Each structure stands twice: as C-alpha cells, then as structure tokens.
Amino acid sequence: MGNAKWKGARLKDVLNKAGVAGGAKQVTFNGLDKAPLEKTPDFIKALEVDHALDDDTLLAYEMNGEALPMLNGFPLRLVVPAHYGTYWVKHVNEITVIEQPTPNFWMDTAYRIPDNECACVEPGTTPAKTRPIGRYNVRSFVTSLGDGDKIKVGQELTVRGIAFDGGYGITDVSFSADGGKTWREARLGKDLGKYSFREWTIGFTPERAGDCELKVIATNRIKQSQPSEPLWNPAGYMRNVVESVKVNAT
C-alpha cells in the first residue's frame, strides 16, 4: 500500500462530455493488461453512476508530479479515493456506461464481504449474504519499530507511525506501551487531506528492562475506530484490529 499525490481528469467531466443517459445505473472499467491464464475472467470493475460522478474520482495520468509509472497503471488509471485497490483499474482503455449491471466475476463473486454492519461472521461459517467490498475502515500502524527491535532502558525515543481511514479523516491516535493497559494521546502530523495517511508521533522512555508491547489505535471524524479482536470473514478482508509491536528494552 502507499500514499501518493495523483493528478488527472475528473471522471465526472469525461462522462459529462460524452453524455450520460438518465437511465444509466453503472459505469464499468477495463484495462490493457491481460491475465496470464486464458481461463481467468477479464478484470472489469464497476462503479454506481453516482459514485462515478463524484468530484474526487479521477482518471489519473500523473503520480507524485511525474508521468504515471508502468507498474502503477501507465498511461491512465482509475483513482477511487477511500476505496480498496480492487477498484483502481490500471492501464484504463475502456469505459462503458450501462443501464443494468451485467454478470461480472470481479463484482459478483470476487472481492466480496459479509453484508452486515461489521462485514464479519463467526470463524468457519459462511455469510448468508455478501456485497462488494467498498470503503477502507480505520487503520493505524507503528512504522519506526518492528517486532524484536532492541531499545535502551531510560533513553527516550520518538515512536512514529501512520493512520488512515475511508475518507472522513483521522482525528485521534492513542498509543500504549504496556499492551493496552494504559494509553496516551499521540501528536498528529500535518493534515494533507481526508484521503491521505496521517502521520503521528509520541515520545516513549522505557523504564525497565524486558519486553514492551506497543499498541496504537486511531479514531476518525465520525467516531469509527478499531476493534481489539479481529473481525473474521472468509476472505480475510478489511482486517483492522489494533496491531501490536513487541520490542525489548535492555
């Protein structure tokens, strides 16, 4: 995953210039890339018309101020902010406005989640109903330390990380150095926009030798946060449990 600055044409402007009939329901997207196996269905994704006409949905041709790299979708890719990468079709060469959804493996079978509030079911069970995966949920990570790293007793260090969500914006990040028993508020970095990663930092001084379990939890503007235990679904999508990093103070 990454965090880039995109430049392109609004999909809305392209569609409006072409003309979208009043009865249109979806817009589908195909790319120039082909599956290595002939039996693999062509990778086509669809957005509801209202979503396709959102101001922030782009046909991007630049990434971080330069022409879109080949591996990132040159010459044109769909950018669907706050939504999972399955919608970000690369090497776009075909856009079709349709009146009714058509059978499509990548919408009807693949990349689907349980159709309930938590997008989860009991481990080992099958959802009664599913829906296509959509927006990101809230996630946060420690990025300056990894499992097994050594730190010094009595020496202050700055712990760093990132947090992001589905486009509402991160408002709070809390940090724990004792496995979640106590929490402190971290300092948020610059707000680069509601779709961007939000950096955070906090000072931490280990007071005694031994293992330290670091945890971080983020909250967004509509008070969505992260569960302390994983929410399960058969495909493993949307994992946003509070992550742990175990370090050793010496």
C-alpha atoms as a PDB file:
ATOM      1  CA  MET A   1       0.000   0.000   0.000  1.00  0.00           C
ATOM      2  CA  GLY A   2       1.120   3.565  -0.481  1.00  0.00           C
ATOM      3  CA  ASN A   3       0.247   7.221  -0.231  1.00  0.00           C
ATOM      4  CA  ALA A   4       0.673   9.216  -3.431  1.00  0.00           C
ATOM      5  CA  LYS A   5      -0.270  12.550  -4.949  1.00  0.00           C
ATOM      6  CA  TRP A   6      -2.394  11.991  -8.041  1.00  0.00           C
ATOM      7  CA  LYS A   7      -3.166  14.301 -10.949  1.00  0.00           C
ATOM      8  CA  GLY A   8      -5.663  13.613 -13.686  1.00  0.00           C
ATOM      9  CA  ALA A   9      -9.012  14.385 -15.250  1.00  0.00           C
ATOM     10  CA  ARG A  10     -12.148  14.112 -13.178  1.00  0.00           C
ATOM     11  CA  LEU A  11     -14.099  11.094 -14.370  1.00  0.00           C
ATOM     12  CA  LYS A  12     -17.190  13.247 -13.909  1.00  0.00           C
ATOM     13  CA  ASP A  13     -16.000  15.700 -16.562  1.00  0.00           C
ATOM     14  CA  VAL A  14     -15.191  12.945 -19.051  1.00  0.00           C
ATOM     15  CA  LEU A  15     -18.581  11.282 -18.581  1.00  0.00           C
ATOM     16  CA  ASN A  16     -20.487  14.553 -18.804  1.00  0.00           C
ATOM     17  CA  LYS A  17     -18.668  15.450 -22.016  1.00  0.00           C
ATOM     18  CA  ALA A  18     -19.564  12.056 -23.514  1.00  0.00           C
ATOM     19  CA  GLY A  19     -23.111  12.270 -22.188  1.00  0.00           C
ATOM     20  CA  VAL A  20     -24.731  10.011 -19.592  1.00  0.00           C
ATOM     21  CA  ALA A  21     -28.326   8.936 -20.217  1.00  0.00           C
ATOM     22  CA  GLY A  22     -30.849   9.349 -17.428  1.00  0.00           C
ATOM     23  CA  GLY A  23     -31.410   5.607 -17.079  1.00  0.00           C
ATOM     24  CA  ALA A  24     -27.734   4.740 -16.552  1.00  0.00           C
ATOM     25  CA  LYS A  25     -27.014   2.614 -13.475  1.00  0.00           C
ATOM     26  CA  GLN A  26     -23.294   1.762 -13.565  1.00  0.00           C
ATOM     27  CA  VAL A  27     -20.009   2.627 -15.228  1.00  0.00           C
ATOM     28  CA  THR A  28     -17.587  -0.222 -15.982  1.00  0.00           C
ATOM     29  CA  PHE A  29     -13.811  -0.043 -16.485  1.00  0.00           C
ATOM     30  CA  ASN A  30     -11.416  -2.306 -18.367  1.00  0.00           C
ATOM     31  CA  GLY A  31      -7.660  -2.113 -18.865  1.00  0.00           C
ATOM     32  CA  LEU A  32      -4.997  -3.158 -21.348  1.00  0.00           C
ATOM     33  CA  ASP A  33      -3.445  -5.789 -19.071  1.00  0.00           C
ATOM     34  CA  LYS A  34      -4.339  -9.433 -19.670  1.00  0.00           C
ATOM     35  CA  ALA A  35      -4.475 -12.406 -17.312  1.00  0.00           C
ATOM     36  CA  PRO A  36      -1.641 -14.962 -17.736  1.00  0.00           C
ATOM     37  CA  LEU A  37      -4.184 -17.802 -17.896  1.00  0.00           C
ATOM     38  CA  GLU A  38      -6.834 -17.821 -20.612  1.00  0.00           C
ATOM     39  CA  LYS A  39      -9.497 -19.192 -18.259  1.00  0.00           C
ATOM     40  CA  THR A  40      -9.148 -16.182 -15.935  1.00  0.00           C
ATOM     41  CA  PRO A  41     -12.043 -13.731 -16.465  1.00  0.00           C
ATOM     42  CA  ASP A  42     -11.172 -10.306 -17.873  1.00  0.00           C
ATOM     43  CA  PHE A  43     -10.630  -7.873 -14.991  1.00  0.00           C
ATOM     44  CA  ILE A  44     -13.541  -5.424 -15.223  1.00  0.00           C
ATOM     45  CA  LYS A  45     -14.794  -3.341 -12.302  1.00  0.00           C
ATOM     46  CA  ALA A  46     -17.921  -1.243 -11.906  1.00  0.00           C
ATOM     47  CA  LEU A  47     -18.989   1.874 -10.009  1.00  0.00           C
ATOM     48  CA  GLU A  48     -22.522   3.054  -9.456  1.00  0.00           C
ATOM     49  CA  VAL A  49     -23.209   6.126 -11.602  1.00  0.00           C
ATOM     50  CA  ASP A  50     -23.424   8.488  -8.619  1.00  0.00           C
ATOM     51  CA  HIS A  51     -20.031   7.288  -7.420  1.00  0.00           C
ATOM     52  CA  ALA A  52     -18.507   7.643 -10.882  1.00  0.00           C
ATOM     53  CA  LEU A  53     -19.778  11.234 -10.983  1.00  0.00           C
ATOM     54  CA  ASP A  54     -18.239  12.099  -7.607  1.00  0.00           C
ATOM     55  CA  ASP A  55     -15.871  15.085  -7.793  1.00  0.00           C
ATOM     56  CA  ASP A  56     -12.949  13.095  -6.362  1.00  0.00           C
ATOM     57  CA  THR A  57     -12.995  10.081  -8.713  1.00  0.00           C
ATOM     58  CA  LEU A  58     -10.116  10.550 -11.186  1.00  0.00           C
ATOM     59  CA  LEU A  59      -8.610   9.226 -14.358  1.00  0.00           C
ATOM     60  CA  ALA A  60      -5.011   9.792 -13.274  1.00  0.00           C
ATOM     61  CA  TYR A  61      -2.059  10.279 -15.612  1.00  0.00           C
ATOM     62  CA  GLU A  62       0.466  11.610 -13.066  1.00  0.00           C
ATOM     63  CA  MET A  63       1.753  10.234  -9.771  1.00  0.00           C
ATOM     64  CA  ASN A  64       3.840  12.375  -7.422  1.00  0.00           C
ATOM     65  CA  GLY A  65       4.395  15.006 -10.124  1.00  0.00           C
ATOM     66  CA  GLU A  66       5.633  12.622 -12.804  1.00  0.00           C
ATOM     67  CA  ALA A  67       4.079  10.584 -15.597  1.00  0.00           C
ATOM     68  CA  LEU A  68       2.324   7.518 -14.233  1.00  0.00           C
ATOM     69  CA  PRO A  69       4.846   4.635 -13.995  1.00  0.00           C
ATOM     70  CA  MET A  70       4.093   1.471 -15.964  1.00  0.00           C
ATOM     71  CA  LEU A  71       3.673  -0.661 -12.828  1.00  0.00           C
ATOM     72  CA  ASN A  72       1.257   1.910 -11.420  1.00  0.00           C
ATOM     73  CA  GLY A  73      -1.010   1.883 -14.462  1.00  0.00           C
ATOM     74  CA  PHE A  74       0.533   3.921 -17.329  1.00  0.00           C
ATOM     75  CA  PRO A  75      -0.857   5.689 -19.246  1.00  0.00           C
ATOM     76  CA  LEU A  76      -4.115   6.038 -17.289  1.00  0.00           C
ATOM     77  CA  ARG A  77      -5.569   4.554 -14.148  1.00  0.00           C
ATOM     78  CA  LEU A  78      -8.763   4.928 -12.198  1.00  0.00           C
ATOM     79  CA  VAL A  79      -8.323   6.529  -8.775  1.00  0.00           C
ATOM     80  CA  VAL A  80     -11.214   5.865  -6.384  1.00  0.00           C
ATOM     81  CA  PRO A  81     -10.288   7.625  -3.120  1.00  0.00           C
ATOM     82  CA  ALA A  82     -11.099   5.878   0.165  1.00  0.00           C
ATOM     83  CA  HIS A  83     -11.968   2.622  -1.615  1.00  0.00           C
ATOM     84  CA  TYR A  84      -9.983  -0.593  -1.798  1.00  0.00           C
ATOM     85  CA  GLY A  85      -7.460  -1.051  -4.588  1.00  0.00           C
ATOM     86  CA  THR A  86      -9.592  -3.567  -6.468  1.00  0.00           C
ATOM     87  CA  TYR A  87     -11.459  -0.577  -7.942  1.00  0.00           C
ATOM     88  CA  TRP A  88      -8.299   1.267  -9.016  1.00  0.00           C
ATOM     89  CA  VAL A  89      -8.175  -0.222 -12.526  1.00  0.00           C
ATOM     90  CA  LYS A  90      -4.785   0.214 -14.232  1.00  0.00           C
ATOM     91  CA  HIS A  91      -3.992   0.866 -17.906  1.00  0.00           C
ATOM     92  CA  VAL A  92      -7.587   2.017 -18.487  1.00  0.00           C
ATOM     93  CA  ASN A  93      -8.626   1.748 -22.147  1.00  0.00           C
ATOM     94  CA  GLU A  94     -12.371   1.225 -21.981  1.00  0.00           C
ATOM     95  CA  ILE A  95     -15.136   2.964 -20.030  1.00  0.00           C
ATOM     96  CA  THR A  96     -18.732   1.853 -20.566  1.00  0.00           C
ATOM     97  CA  VAL A  97     -21.931   3.328 -19.158  1.00  0.00           C
ATOM     98  CA  ILE A  98     -24.596   0.644 -18.727  1.00  0.00           C
ATOM     99  CA  GLU A  99     -28.298   0.699 -17.910  1.00  0.00           C
ATOM    100  CA  GLN A 100     -28.245  -2.517 -15.872  1.00  0.00           C
ATOM    101  CA  PRO A 101     -25.456  -4.404 -14.073  1.00  0.00           C
ATOM    102  CA  THR A 102     -24.083  -7.217 -16.208  1.00  0.00           C
ATOM    103  CA  PRO A 103     -22.623 -10.544 -14.966  1.00  0.00           C
ATOM    104  CA  ASN A 104     -19.062  -9.915 -13.817  1.00  0.00           C
ATOM    105  CA  PHE A 105     -16.848 -12.312 -11.841  1.00  0.00           C
ATOM    106  CA  TRP A 106     -14.868  -9.491 -10.226  1.00  0.00           C
ATOM    107  CA  MET A 107     -18.019  -7.847  -8.868  1.00  0.00           C
ATOM    108  CA  ASP A 108     -20.381 -10.794  -8.363  1.00  0.00           C
ATOM    109  CA  THR A 109     -18.002 -13.441  -6.973  1.00  0.00           C
ATOM    110  CA  ALA A 110     -14.600 -11.980  -6.068  1.00  0.00           C
ATOM    111  CA  TYR A 111     -13.815  -9.206  -3.577  1.00  0.00           C
ATOM    112  CA  ARG A 112     -17.000  -9.593  -1.569  1.00  0.00           C
ATOM    113  CA  ILE A 113     -17.633  -9.240   2.173  1.00  0.00           C
ATOM    114  CA  PRO A 114     -20.474 -10.237   4.523  1.00  0.00           C
ATOM    115  CA  ASP A 115     -23.415  -7.880   4.056  1.00  0.00           C
ATOM    116  CA  ASN A 116     -23.758  -6.672   7.633  1.00  0.00           C
ATOM    117  CA  GLU A 117     -22.522  -3.768   9.734  1.00  0.00           C
ATOM    118  CA  CYS A 118     -19.218  -5.359  10.790  1.00  0.00           C
ATOM    119  CA  ALA A 119     -18.560  -7.183   7.465  1.00  0.00           C
ATOM    120  CA  CYS A 120     -17.881 -10.242   9.619  1.00  0.00           C
ATOM    121  CA  VAL A 121     -19.193 -13.677  10.584  1.00  0.00           C
ATOM    122  CA  GLU A 122     -18.204 -16.312  13.121  1.00  0.00           C
ATOM    123  CA  PRO A 123     -14.934 -18.043  12.153  1.00  0.00           C
ATOM    124  CA  GLY A 124     -15.572 -21.055   9.955  1.00  0.00           C
ATOM    125  CA  THR A 125     -19.084 -20.022   8.937  1.00  0.00           C
ATOM    126  CA  THR A 126     -20.413 -18.793   5.593  1.00  0.00           C
ATOM    127  CA  PRO A 127     -22.150 -15.408   5.219  1.00  0.00           C
ATOM    128  CA  ALA A 128     -25.865 -15.582   4.398  1.00  0.00           C
ATOM    129  CA  LYS A 129     -25.459 -12.604   2.079  1.00  0.00           C
ATOM    130  CA  THR A 130     -22.487 -10.680   0.682  1.00  0.00           C
ATOM    131  CA  ARG A 131     -21.777  -7.359  -1.021  1.00  0.00           C
ATOM    132  CA  PRO A 132     -18.796  -5.950  -2.932  1.00  0.00           C
ATOM    133  CA  ILE A 133     -16.014  -4.596  -0.743  1.00  0.00           C
ATOM    134  CA  GLY A 134     -16.159  -0.803  -0.556  1.00  0.00           C
ATOM    135  CA  ARG A 135     -14.576   1.835   1.684  1.00  0.00           C
ATOM    136  CA  TYR A 136     -11.476   1.440   3.802  1.00  0.00           C
ATOM    137  CA  ASN A 137     -12.018   1.089   7.510  1.00  0.00           C
ATOM    138  CA  VAL A 138      -9.847   2.782  10.157  1.00  0.00           C
ATOM    139  CA  ARG A 139      -6.252   1.506  10.431  1.00  0.00           C
ATOM    140  CA  SER A 140      -3.091   2.568  12.241  1.00  0.00           C
ATOM    141  CA  PHE A 141       0.454   1.269  12.437  1.00  0.00           C
ATOM    142  CA  VAL A 142       3.756   1.760  14.236  1.00  0.00           C
ATOM    143  CA  THR A 143       6.295   2.273  11.435  1.00  0.00           C
ATOM    144  CA  SER A 144       9.509   3.242  13.260  1.00  0.00           C
ATOM    145  CA  LEU A 145       9.881  -0.037  15.184  1.00  0.00           C
ATOM    146  CA  GLY A 146       9.354  -3.683  14.289  1.00  0.00           C
ATOM    147  CA  ASP A 147       8.873  -6.903  16.234  1.00  0.00           C
ATOM    148  CA  GLY A 148      12.050  -7.901  18.048  1.00  0.00           C
ATOM    149  CA  ASP A 149      13.768  -4.499  17.865  1.00  0.00           C
ATOM    150  CA  LYS A 150      16.048  -3.550  20.769  1.00  0.00           C
ATOM    151  CA  ILE A 151      15.610  -0.256  22.633  1.00  0.00           C
ATOM    152  CA  LYS A 152      17.501   1.277  25.566  1.00  0.00           C
ATOM    153  CA  VAL A 153      16.180   1.497  29.119  1.00  0.00           C
ATOM    154  CA  GLY A 154      15.954   5.124  30.269  1.00  0.00           C
ATOM    155  CA  GLN A 155      16.584   6.516  26.775  1.00  0.00           C
ATOM    156  CA  GLU A 156      13.739   8.493  25.247  1.00  0.00           C
ATOM    157  CA  LEU A 157      12.854   7.723  21.656  1.00  0.00           C
ATOM    158  CA  THR A 158      10.220   9.048  19.297  1.00  0.00           C
ATOM    159  CA  VAL A 159       7.793   6.392  18.123  1.00  0.00           C
ATOM    160  CA  ARG A 160       6.306   7.138  14.689  1.00  0.00           C
ATOM    161  CA  GLY A 161       3.510   5.753  12.626  1.00  0.00           C
ATOM    162  CA  ILE A 162       0.619   6.341  10.261  1.00  0.00           C
ATOM    163  CA  ALA A 163      -3.167   6.194  10.435  1.00  0.00           C
ATOM    164  CA  PHE A 164      -5.842   6.417   7.747  1.00  0.00           C
ATOM    165  CA  ASP A 165      -9.496   5.686   7.080  1.00  0.00           C
ATOM    166  CA  GLY A 166     -12.183   5.776   4.395  1.00  0.00           C
ATOM    167  CA  GLY A 167     -12.061   9.490   3.726  1.00  0.00           C
ATOM    168  CA  TYR A 168     -13.612  11.016   6.832  1.00  0.00           C
ATOM    169  CA  GLY A 169     -10.256  11.998   8.314  1.00  0.00           C
ATOM    170  CA  ILE A 170      -8.293  10.856  11.375  1.00  0.00           C
ATOM    171  CA  THR A 171      -8.865  12.963  14.498  1.00  0.00           C
ATOM    172  CA  ASP A 172      -7.165  10.967  17.272  1.00  0.00           C
ATOM    173  CA  VAL A 173      -4.410   8.403  17.687  1.00  0.00           C
ATOM    174  CA  SER A 174      -3.690   6.779  21.062  1.00  0.00           C
ATOM    175  CA  PHE A 175      -0.537   4.850  21.959  1.00  0.00           C
ATOM    176  CA  SER A 176       0.119   2.190  24.577  1.00  0.00           C
ATOM    177  CA  ALA A 177       3.492   0.815  25.669  1.00  0.00           C
ATOM    178  CA  ASP A 178       2.086  -1.790  28.064  1.00  0.00           C
ATOM    179  CA  GLY A 179      -0.108  -3.941  25.852  1.00  0.00           C
ATOM    180  CA  GLY A 180      -3.182  -1.724  26.127  1.00  0.00           C
ATOM    181  CA  LYS A 181      -3.372  -1.285  29.900  1.00  0.00           C
ATOM    182  CA  THR A 182      -2.772   2.462  29.675  1.00  0.00           C
ATOM    183  CA  TRP A 183      -3.000   4.870  26.747  1.00  0.00           C
ATOM    184  CA  ARG A 184      -1.591   8.274  25.843  1.00  0.00           C
ATOM    185  CA  GLU A 185      -2.611  10.607  23.049  1.00  0.00           C
ATOM    186  CA  ALA A 186      -0.120  10.859  20.205  1.00  0.00           C
ATOM    187  CA  ARG A 187       0.668  14.052  18.303  1.00  0.00           C
ATOM    188  CA  LEU A 188      -0.830  14.152  14.831  1.00  0.00           C
ATOM    189  CA  GLY A 189       1.255  15.344  11.898  1.00  0.00           C
ATOM    190  CA  LYS A 190       0.170  17.644   9.098  1.00  0.00           C
ATOM    191  CA  ASP A 191      -3.272  17.063   7.650  1.00  0.00           C
ATOM    192  CA  LEU A 192      -2.618  16.503   3.927  1.00  0.00           C
ATOM    193  CA  GLY A 193      -6.263  15.856   3.107  1.00  0.00           C
ATOM    194  CA  LYS A 194      -9.018  13.473   4.064  1.00  0.00           C
ATOM    195  CA  TYR A 195      -7.717  10.684   1.808  1.00  0.00           C
ATOM    196  CA  SER A 196      -4.088  10.875   2.925  1.00  0.00           C
ATOM    197  CA  PHE A 197      -2.180   8.946   5.551  1.00  0.00           C
ATOM    198  CA  ARG A 198      -1.939  10.961   8.790  1.00  0.00           C
ATOM    199  CA  GLU A 199       1.454  10.702  10.453  1.00  0.00           C
ATOM    200  CA  TRP A 200       1.682  10.579  14.234  1.00  0.00           C
ATOM    201  CA  THR A 201       4.494  10.699  16.798  1.00  0.00           C
ATOM    202  CA  ILE A 202       4.888  10.200  20.532  1.00  0.00           C
ATOM    203  CA  GLY A 203       7.788  10.167  22.968  1.00  0.00           C
ATOM    204  CA  PHE A 204       8.463   6.955  24.867  1.00  0.00           C
ATOM    205  CA  THR A 205      11.076   6.162  27.546  1.00  0.00           C
ATOM    206  CA  PRO A 206      11.246   2.506  28.673  1.00  0.00           C
ATOM    207  CA  GLU A 207      11.647   2.481  32.442  1.00  0.00           C
ATOM    208  CA  ARG A 208      12.736  -1.121  32.975  1.00  0.00           C
ATOM    209  CA  ALA A 209      14.373  -3.952  31.090  1.00  0.00           C
ATOM    210  CA  GLY A 210      12.239  -6.520  29.336  1.00  0.00           C
ATOM    211  CA  ASP A 211       9.627  -6.839  26.636  1.00  0.00           C
ATOM    212  CA  CYS A 212       7.329  -3.937  25.763  1.00  0.00           C
ATOM    213  CA  GLU A 213       4.148  -4.459  23.774  1.00  0.00           C
ATOM    214  CA  LEU A 214       3.359  -1.338  21.758  1.00  0.00           C
ATOM    215  CA  LYS A 215      -0.169  -0.746  20.504  1.00  0.00           C
ATOM    216  CA  VAL A 216      -1.818   2.078  18.581  1.00  0.00           C
ATOM    217  CA  ILE A 217      -5.463   2.856  17.903  1.00  0.00           C
ATOM    218  CA  ALA A 218      -6.963   5.556  15.675  1.00  0.00           C
ATOM    219  CA  THR A 219     -10.375   7.261  15.550  1.00  0.00           C
ATOM    220  CA  ASN A 220     -11.894   9.232  12.705  1.00  0.00           C
ATOM    221  CA  ARG A 221     -14.296  12.176  12.461  1.00  0.00           C
ATOM    222  CA  ILE A 222     -17.404  10.008  12.589  1.00  0.00           C
ATOM    223  CA  LYS A 223     -16.076   8.153  15.660  1.00  0.00           C
ATOM    224  CA  GLN A 224     -15.164   4.946  13.858  1.00  0.00           C
ATOM    225  CA  SER A 225     -12.209   3.169  15.456  1.00  0.00           C
ATOM    226  CA  GLN A 226     -10.514  -0.235  15.603  1.00  0.00           C
ATOM    227  CA  PRO A 227     -11.527  -3.471  17.348  1.00  0.00           C
ATOM    228  CA  SER A 228      -9.319  -5.087  19.961  1.00  0.00           C
ATOM    229  CA  GLU A 229     -10.037  -8.528  18.464  1.00  0.00           C
ATOM    230  CA  PRO A 230     -10.022  -9.358  14.731  1.00  0.00           C
ATOM    231  CA  LEU A 231     -13.345  -9.349  12.895  1.00  0.00           C
ATOM    232  CA  TRP A 232     -13.448 -12.512  10.786  1.00  0.00           C
ATOM    233  CA  ASN A 233     -14.696 -13.136   7.250  1.00  0.00           C
ATOM    234  CA  PRO A 234     -13.827 -15.982   4.846  1.00  0.00           C
ATOM    235  CA  ALA A 235     -11.624 -13.886   2.535  1.00  0.00           C
ATOM    236  CA  GLY A 236      -9.812 -12.069   5.348  1.00  0.00           C
ATOM    237  CA  TYR A 237     -10.687  -8.623   4.006  1.00  0.00           C
ATOM    238  CA  MET A 238     -10.855  -5.375   5.987  1.00  0.00           C
ATOM    239  CA  ARG A 239      -8.636  -6.532   8.848  1.00  0.00           C
ATOM    240  CA  ASN A 240      -8.243  -3.504  11.113  1.00  0.00           C
ATOM    241  CA  VAL A 241      -7.636  -4.992  14.539  1.00  0.00           C
ATOM    242  CA  VAL A 242      -5.424  -2.957  16.884  1.00  0.00           C
ATOM    243  CA  GLU A 243      -1.905  -4.026  15.878  1.00  0.00           C
ATOM    244  CA  SER A 244       0.895  -4.914  18.346  1.00  0.00           C
ATOM    245  CA  VAL A 245       4.658  -4.490  18.037  1.00  0.00           C
ATOM    246  CA  LYS A 246       6.807  -6.252  20.637  1.00  0.00           C
ATOM    247  CA  VAL A 247      10.219  -4.708  21.371  1.00  0.00           C
ATOM    248  CA  ASN A 248      12.839  -5.473  24.001  1.00  0.00           C
ATOM    249  CA  ALA A 249      14.334  -2.901  26.363  1.00  0.00           C
ATOM    250  CA  THR A 250      17.881  -3.576  27.580  1.00  0.00           C
END
